[in-house]
Amino acid sequence: MPRYVRLEADGPYRIDPQDKPVFVCGCGLSKNMPFCDGAHKACKTSEQPGKTYVYDEKRENIVEERDE
């Protein structure tokens, strides 16, 4: 069942239980879920506050922009 998931973070979540930190995706665009792959950088350059964005299946291109 498809669904929209609203994610508001524009960066990863840091987890420090190991020798080095682990970063978990907070933006929903990572191709290496649940881990961050740096895809959140697109959020900072192409998204505006007050809008909700719908991405294509590959999580690469914005296909729809909505008012919150």
PDB file of N, CA and C in Angstrom:
ATOM      1  N   MET A   1       0.840  -1.166   0.000  1.00  0.00           N
ATOM      2  CA  MET A   1       0.000   0.000   0.000  1.00  0.00           C
ATOM      3  C   MET A   1       0.892   1.238   0.000  1.00  0.00           C
ATOM      4  N   PRO A   2       0.832   2.078  -1.028  1.00  0.00           N
ATOM      5  CA  PRO A   2       1.651   3.281  -1.051  1.00  0.00           C
ATOM      6  C   PRO A   2       1.114   4.330  -0.089  1.00  0.00           C
ATOM      7  N   ARG A   3       1.998   5.140   0.419  1.00  0.00           N
ATOM      8  CA  ARG A   3       1.597   6.232   1.305  1.00  0.00           C
ATOM      9  C   ARG A   3       2.611   7.339   1.234  1.00  0.00           C
ATOM     10  N   TYR A   4       2.177   8.519   1.566  1.00  0.00           N
ATOM     11  CA  TYR A   4       3.083   9.648   1.667  1.00  0.00           C
ATOM     12  C   TYR A   4       3.573   9.718   3.098  1.00  0.00           C
ATOM     13  N   VAL A   5       4.851   9.920   3.279  1.00  0.00           N
ATOM     14  CA  VAL A   5       5.432  10.085   4.603  1.00  0.00           C
ATOM     15  C   VAL A   5       6.015  11.482   4.660  1.00  0.00           C
ATOM     16  N   ARG A   6       5.586  12.254   5.619  1.00  0.00           N
ATOM     17  CA  ARG A   6       6.067  13.621   5.723  1.00  0.00           C
ATOM     18  C   ARG A   6       7.303  13.645   6.604  1.00  0.00           C
ATOM     19  N   LEU A   7       8.413  14.023   6.012  1.00  0.00           N
ATOM     20  CA  LEU A   7       9.675  14.145   6.725  1.00  0.00           C
ATOM     21  C   LEU A   7      10.108  15.596   6.650  1.00  0.00           C
ATOM     22  N   GLU A   8      10.462  16.167   7.777  1.00  0.00           N
ATOM     23  CA  GLU A   8      10.807  17.577   7.808  1.00  0.00           C
ATOM     24  C   GLU A   8      12.286  17.831   8.016  1.00  0.00           C
ATOM     25  N   ALA A   9      13.036  16.811   8.323  1.00  0.00           N
ATOM     26  CA  ALA A   9      14.461  17.001   8.553  1.00  0.00           C
ATOM     27  C   ALA A   9      15.170  17.279   7.234  1.00  0.00           C
ATOM     28  N   ASP A  10      16.236  18.057   7.303  1.00  0.00           N
ATOM     29  CA  ASP A  10      17.028  18.294   6.097  1.00  0.00           C
ATOM     30  C   ASP A  10      18.462  17.825   6.308  1.00  0.00           C
ATOM     31  N   GLY A  11      18.584  16.839   7.172  1.00  0.00           N
ATOM     32  CA  GLY A  11      19.876  16.252   7.451  1.00  0.00           C
ATOM     33  C   GLY A  11      19.693  14.941   8.193  1.00  0.00           C
ATOM     34  N   PRO A  12      20.766  14.227   8.460  1.00  0.00           N
ATOM     35  CA  PRO A  12      20.691  12.922   9.116  1.00  0.00           C
ATOM     36  C   PRO A  12      20.581  13.037  10.628  1.00  0.00           C
ATOM     37  N   TYR A  13      20.197  11.929  11.260  1.00  0.00           N
ATOM     38  CA  TYR A  13      20.209  11.805  12.713  1.00  0.00           C
ATOM     39  C   TYR A  13      21.511  11.107  13.099  1.00  0.00           C
ATOM     40  N   ARG A  14      22.202  11.652  14.076  1.00  0.00           N
ATOM     41  CA  ARG A  14      23.476  11.082  14.507  1.00  0.00           C
ATOM     42  C   ARG A  14      23.242  10.130  15.678  1.00  0.00           C
ATOM     43  N   ILE A  15      23.846   8.960  15.602  1.00  0.00           N
ATOM     44  CA  ILE A  15      23.763   7.962  16.665  1.00  0.00           C
ATOM     45  C   ILE A  15      25.186   7.622  17.067  1.00  0.00           C
ATOM     46  N   ASP A  16      25.480   7.669  18.368  1.00  0.00           N
ATOM     47  CA  ASP A  16      26.847   7.467  18.858  1.00  0.00           C
ATOM     48  C   ASP A  16      27.038   6.224  19.742  1.00  0.00           C
ATOM     49  N   PRO A  17      26.502   5.058  19.375  1.00  0.00           N
ATOM     50  CA  PRO A  17      26.696   3.913  20.248  1.00  0.00           C
ATOM     51  C   PRO A  17      27.963   3.116  19.961  1.00  0.00           C
ATOM     52  N   GLN A  18      28.704   3.470  18.912  1.00  0.00           N
ATOM     53  CA  GLN A  18      29.859   2.690  18.491  1.00  0.00           C
ATOM     54  C   GLN A  18      31.120   3.545  18.560  1.00  0.00           C
ATOM     55  N   ASP A  19      32.205   3.001  18.038  1.00  0.00           N
ATOM     56  CA  ASP A  19      33.466   3.730  18.009  1.00  0.00           C
ATOM     57  C   ASP A  19      33.376   4.999  17.168  1.00  0.00           C
ATOM     58  N   LYS A  20      32.612   4.951  16.086  1.00  0.00           N
ATOM     59  CA  LYS A  20      32.405   6.135  15.255  1.00  0.00           C
ATOM     60  C   LYS A  20      30.898   6.335  15.090  1.00  0.00           C
ATOM     61  N   PRO A  21      30.466   7.567  14.850  1.00  0.00           N
ATOM     62  CA  PRO A  21      29.027   7.823  14.754  1.00  0.00           C
ATOM     63  C   PRO A  21      28.394   7.158  13.537  1.00  0.00           C
ATOM     64  N   VAL A  22      27.108   6.843  13.683  1.00  0.00           N
ATOM     65  CA  VAL A  22      26.289   6.294  12.605  1.00  0.00           C
ATOM     66  C   VAL A  22      25.251   7.359  12.282  1.00  0.00           C
ATOM     67  N   PHE A  23      25.005   7.633  11.016  1.00  0.00           N
ATOM     68  CA  PHE A  23      24.034   8.642  10.613  1.00  0.00           C
ATOM     69  C   PHE A  23      22.851   7.968   9.929  1.00  0.00           C
ATOM     70  N   VAL A  24      21.654   8.194  10.481  1.00  0.00           N
ATOM     71  CA  VAL A  24      20.415   7.630   9.961  1.00  0.00           C
ATOM     72  C   VAL A  24      19.694   8.718   9.168  1.00  0.00           C
ATOM     73  N   CYS A  25      19.178   8.373   8.002  1.00  0.00           N
ATOM     74  CA  CYS A  25      18.505   9.331   7.130  1.00  0.00           C
ATOM     75  C   CYS A  25      17.331   9.996   7.839  1.00  0.00           C
ATOM     76  N   GLY A  26      17.263  11.310   7.724  1.00  0.00           N
ATOM     77  CA  GLY A  26      16.152  12.064   8.293  1.00  0.00           C
ATOM     78  C   GLY A  26      15.324  12.753   7.228  1.00  0.00           C
ATOM     79  N   CYS A  27      15.760  12.712   5.983  1.00  0.00           N
ATOM     80  CA  CYS A  27      15.058  13.440   4.915  1.00  0.00           C
ATOM     81  C   CYS A  27      14.217  12.523   4.039  1.00  0.00           C
ATOM     82  N   GLY A  28      14.504  11.226   4.034  1.00  0.00           N
ATOM     83  CA  GLY A  28      13.754  10.278   3.219  1.00  0.00           C
ATOM     84  C   GLY A  28      14.270  10.122   1.798  1.00  0.00           C
ATOM     85  N   LEU A  29      15.355  10.788   1.434  1.00  0.00           N
ATOM     86  CA  LEU A  29      15.859  10.729   0.065  1.00  0.00           C
ATOM     87  C   LEU A  29      17.014   9.755  -0.131  1.00  0.00           C
ATOM     88  N   SER A  30      17.549   9.198   0.939  1.00  0.00           N
ATOM     89  CA  SER A  30      18.689   8.297   0.840  1.00  0.00           C
ATOM     90  C   SER A  30      18.356   7.063   0.008  1.00  0.00           C
ATOM     91  N   LYS A  31      19.311   6.616  -0.769  1.00  0.00           N
ATOM     92  CA  LYS A  31      19.160   5.363  -1.512  1.00  0.00           C
ATOM     93  C   LYS A  31      19.762   4.200  -0.731  1.00  0.00           C
ATOM     94  N   ASN A  32      20.246   4.493   0.466  1.00  0.00           N
ATOM     95  CA  ASN A  32      20.860   3.484   1.323  1.00  0.00           C
ATOM     96  C   ASN A  32      20.116   3.431   2.661  1.00  0.00           C
ATOM     97  N   MET A  33      18.772   3.494   2.598  1.00  0.00           N
ATOM     98  CA  MET A  33      17.964   3.527   3.821  1.00  0.00           C
ATOM     99  C   MET A  33      18.283   2.328   4.703  1.00  0.00           C
ATOM    100  N   PRO A  34      18.323   2.485   5.994  1.00  0.00           N
ATOM    101  CA  PRO A  34      17.977   3.682   6.760  1.00  0.00           C
ATOM    102  C   PRO A  34      19.157   4.634   6.959  1.00  0.00           C
ATOM    103  N   PHE A  35      20.265   4.372   6.301  1.00  0.00           N
ATOM    104  CA  PHE A  35      21.465   5.170   6.529  1.00  0.00           C
ATOM    105  C   PHE A  35      21.544   6.375   5.597  1.00  0.00           C
ATOM    106  N   CYS A  36      22.176   7.424   6.062  1.00  0.00           N
ATOM    107  CA  CYS A  36      22.357   8.644   5.283  1.00  0.00           C
ATOM    108  C   CYS A  36      23.394   8.411   4.184  1.00  0.00           C
ATOM    109  N   ASP A  37      23.088   8.895   2.974  1.00  0.00           N
ATOM    110  CA  ASP A  37      24.063   8.833   1.885  1.00  0.00           C
ATOM    111  C   ASP A  37      24.397  10.225   1.348  1.00  0.00           C
ATOM    112  N   GLY A  38      23.963  11.265   2.053  1.00  0.00           N
ATOM    113  CA  GLY A  38      24.260  12.637   1.650  1.00  0.00           C
ATOM    114  C   GLY A  38      23.208  13.261   0.755  1.00  0.00           C
ATOM    115  N   ALA A  39      22.139  12.522   0.443  1.00  0.00           N
ATOM    116  CA  ALA A  39      21.097  13.036  -0.455  1.00  0.00           C
ATOM    117  C   ALA A  39      20.380  14.253   0.125  1.00  0.00           C
ATOM    118  N   HIS A  40      20.474  14.456   1.441  1.00  0.00           N
ATOM    119  CA  HIS A  40      19.788  15.588   2.076  1.00  0.00           C
ATOM    120  C   HIS A  40      20.304  16.941   1.587  1.00  0.00           C
ATOM    121  N   LYS A  41      21.447  16.944   0.954  1.00  0.00           N
ATOM    122  CA  LYS A  41      21.984  18.212   0.434  1.00  0.00           C
ATOM    123  C   LYS A  41      21.028  18.831  -0.572  1.00  0.00           C
ATOM    124  N   ALA A  42      20.263  18.004  -1.287  1.00  0.00           N
ATOM    125  CA  ALA A  42      19.270  18.511  -2.241  1.00  0.00           C
ATOM    126  C   ALA A  42      18.145  19.251  -1.521  1.00  0.00           C
ATOM    127  N   CYS A  43      17.812  18.844  -0.297  1.00  0.00           N
ATOM    128  CA  CYS A  43      16.752  19.514   0.470  1.00  0.00           C
ATOM    129  C   CYS A  43      17.121  20.969   0.735  1.00  0.00           C
ATOM    130  N   LYS A  44      18.362  21.198   1.043  1.00  0.00           N
ATOM    131  CA  LYS A  44      18.809  22.543   1.414  1.00  0.00           C
ATOM    132  C   LYS A  44      18.857  23.487   0.221  1.00  0.00           C
ATOM    133  N   THR A  45      19.031  22.953  -0.990  1.00  0.00           N
ATOM    134  CA  THR A  45      19.177  23.812  -2.159  1.00  0.00           C
ATOM    135  C   THR A  45      17.909  23.923  -2.995  1.00  0.00           C
ATOM    136  N   SER A  46      17.006  22.919  -2.932  1.00  0.00           N
ATOM    137  CA  SER A  46      15.850  22.934  -3.830  1.00  0.00           C
ATOM    138  C   SER A  46      14.504  23.040  -3.131  1.00  0.00           C
ATOM    139  N   GLU A  47      14.464  22.988  -1.798  1.00  0.00           N
ATOM    140  CA  GLU A  47      13.201  23.050  -1.081  1.00  0.00           C
ATOM    141  C   GLU A  47      13.080  24.356  -0.302  1.00  0.00           C
ATOM    142  N   GLN A  48      11.845  24.846  -0.196  1.00  0.00           N
ATOM    143  CA  GLN A  48      11.555  26.081   0.516  1.00  0.00           C
ATOM    144  C   GLN A  48      10.695  25.778   1.740  1.00  0.00           C
ATOM    145  N   PRO A  49      10.878  26.504   2.844  1.00  0.00           N
ATOM    146  CA  PRO A  49      10.027  26.324   4.028  1.00  0.00           C
ATOM    147  C   PRO A  49       8.558  26.578   3.674  1.00  0.00           C
ATOM    148  N   GLY A  50       7.668  25.872   4.338  1.00  0.00           N
ATOM    149  CA  GLY A  50       6.245  26.056   4.119  1.00  0.00           C
ATOM    150  C   GLY A  50       5.674  25.256   2.964  1.00  0.00           C
ATOM    151  N   LYS A  51       6.490  24.427   2.341  1.00  0.00           N
ATOM    152  CA  LYS A  51       6.050  23.605   1.211  1.00  0.00           C
ATOM    153  C   LYS A  51       6.264  22.130   1.536  1.00  0.00           C
ATOM    154  N   THR A  52       5.471  21.282   0.911  1.00  0.00           N
ATOM    155  CA  THR A  52       5.644  19.835   0.980  1.00  0.00           C
ATOM    156  C   THR A  52       6.002  19.369  -0.419  1.00  0.00           C
ATOM    157  N   TYR A  53       6.999  18.508  -0.520  1.00  0.00           N
ATOM    158  CA  TYR A  53       7.502  18.058  -1.816  1.00  0.00           C
ATOM    159  C   TYR A  53       7.254  16.570  -2.006  1.00  0.00           C
ATOM    160  N   VAL A  54       6.848  16.212  -3.212  1.00  0.00           N
ATOM    161  CA  VAL A  54       6.654  14.816  -3.597  1.00  0.00           C
ATOM    162  C   VAL A  54       7.734  14.503  -4.630  1.00  0.00           C
ATOM    163  N   TYR A  55       8.501  13.450  -4.374  1.00  0.00           N
ATOM    164  CA  TYR A  55       9.590  13.044  -5.258  1.00  0.00           C
ATOM    165  C   TYR A  55       9.184  11.834  -6.089  1.00  0.00           C
ATOM    166  N   ASP A  56       9.885  11.616  -7.191  1.00  0.00           N
ATOM    167  CA  ASP A  56       9.638  10.443  -8.028  1.00  0.00           C
ATOM    168  C   ASP A  56      10.087   9.182  -7.299  1.00  0.00           C
ATOM    169  N   GLU A  57       9.851   8.028  -7.915  1.00  0.00           N
ATOM    170  CA  GLU A  57      10.171   6.748  -7.277  1.00  0.00           C
ATOM    171  C   GLU A  57      11.648   6.592  -6.945  1.00  0.00           C
ATOM    172  N   LYS A  58      12.510   7.222  -7.716  1.00  0.00           N
ATOM    173  CA  LYS A  58      13.951   7.135  -7.456  1.00  0.00           C
ATOM    174  C   LYS A  58      14.410   8.140  -6.404  1.00  0.00           C
ATOM    175  N   ARG A  59      13.496   8.971  -5.921  1.00  0.00           N
ATOM    176  CA  ARG A  59      13.798  10.007  -4.914  1.00  0.00           C
ATOM    177  C   ARG A  59      14.855  10.985  -5.421  1.00  0.00           C
ATOM    178  N   GLU A  60      14.783  11.314  -6.718  1.00  0.00           N
ATOM    179  CA  GLU A  60      15.761  12.221  -7.313  1.00  0.00           C
ATOM    180  C   GLU A  60      15.157  13.543  -7.772  1.00  0.00           C
ATOM    181  N   ASN A  61      13.926  13.517  -8.266  1.00  0.00           N
ATOM    182  CA  ASN A  61      13.320  14.713  -8.852  1.00  0.00           C
ATOM    183  C   ASN A  61      12.007  15.043  -8.170  1.00  0.00           C
ATOM    184  N   ILE A  62      11.763  16.318  -7.952  1.00  0.00           N
ATOM    185  CA  ILE A  62      10.499  16.768  -7.386  1.00  0.00           C
ATOM    186  C   ILE A  62       9.437  16.690  -8.489  1.00  0.00           C
ATOM    187  N   VAL A  63       8.320  15.994  -8.218  1.00  0.00           N
ATOM    188  CA  VAL A  63       7.256  15.872  -9.208  1.00  0.00           C
ATOM    189  C   VAL A  63       6.043  16.705  -8.820  1.00  0.00           C
ATOM    190  N   GLU A  64       5.985  17.119  -7.546  1.00  0.00           N
ATOM    191  CA  GLU A  64       4.866  17.936  -7.103  1.00  0.00           C
ATOM    192  C   GLU A  64       5.289  18.780  -5.902  1.00  0.00           C
ATOM    193  N   GLU A  65       4.784  19.981  -5.847  1.00  0.00           N
ATOM    194  CA  GLU A  65       5.049  20.891  -4.742  1.00  0.00           C
ATOM    195  C   GLU A  65       3.698  21.338  -4.191  1.00  0.00           C
ATOM    196  N   ARG A  66       3.512  21.205  -2.875  1.00  0.00           N
ATOM    197  CA  ARG A  66       2.225  21.552  -2.239  1.00  0.00           C
ATOM    198  C   ARG A  66       2.443  22.575  -1.130  1.00  0.00           C
ATOM    199  N   ASP A  67       1.427  23.388  -0.900  1.00  0.00           N
ATOM    200  CA  ASP A  67       1.455  24.241   0.280  1.00  0.00           C
ATOM    201  C   ASP A  67       1.176  23.366   1.486  1.00  0.00           C
ATOM    202  N   GLU A  68       1.809  23.667   2.606  1.00  0.00           N
ATOM    203  CA  GLU A  68       1.607  22.837   3.805  1.00  0.00           C
ATOM    204  C   GLU A  68       0.176  22.861   4.272  1.00  0.00           C
TER     205      GLU A  68
END
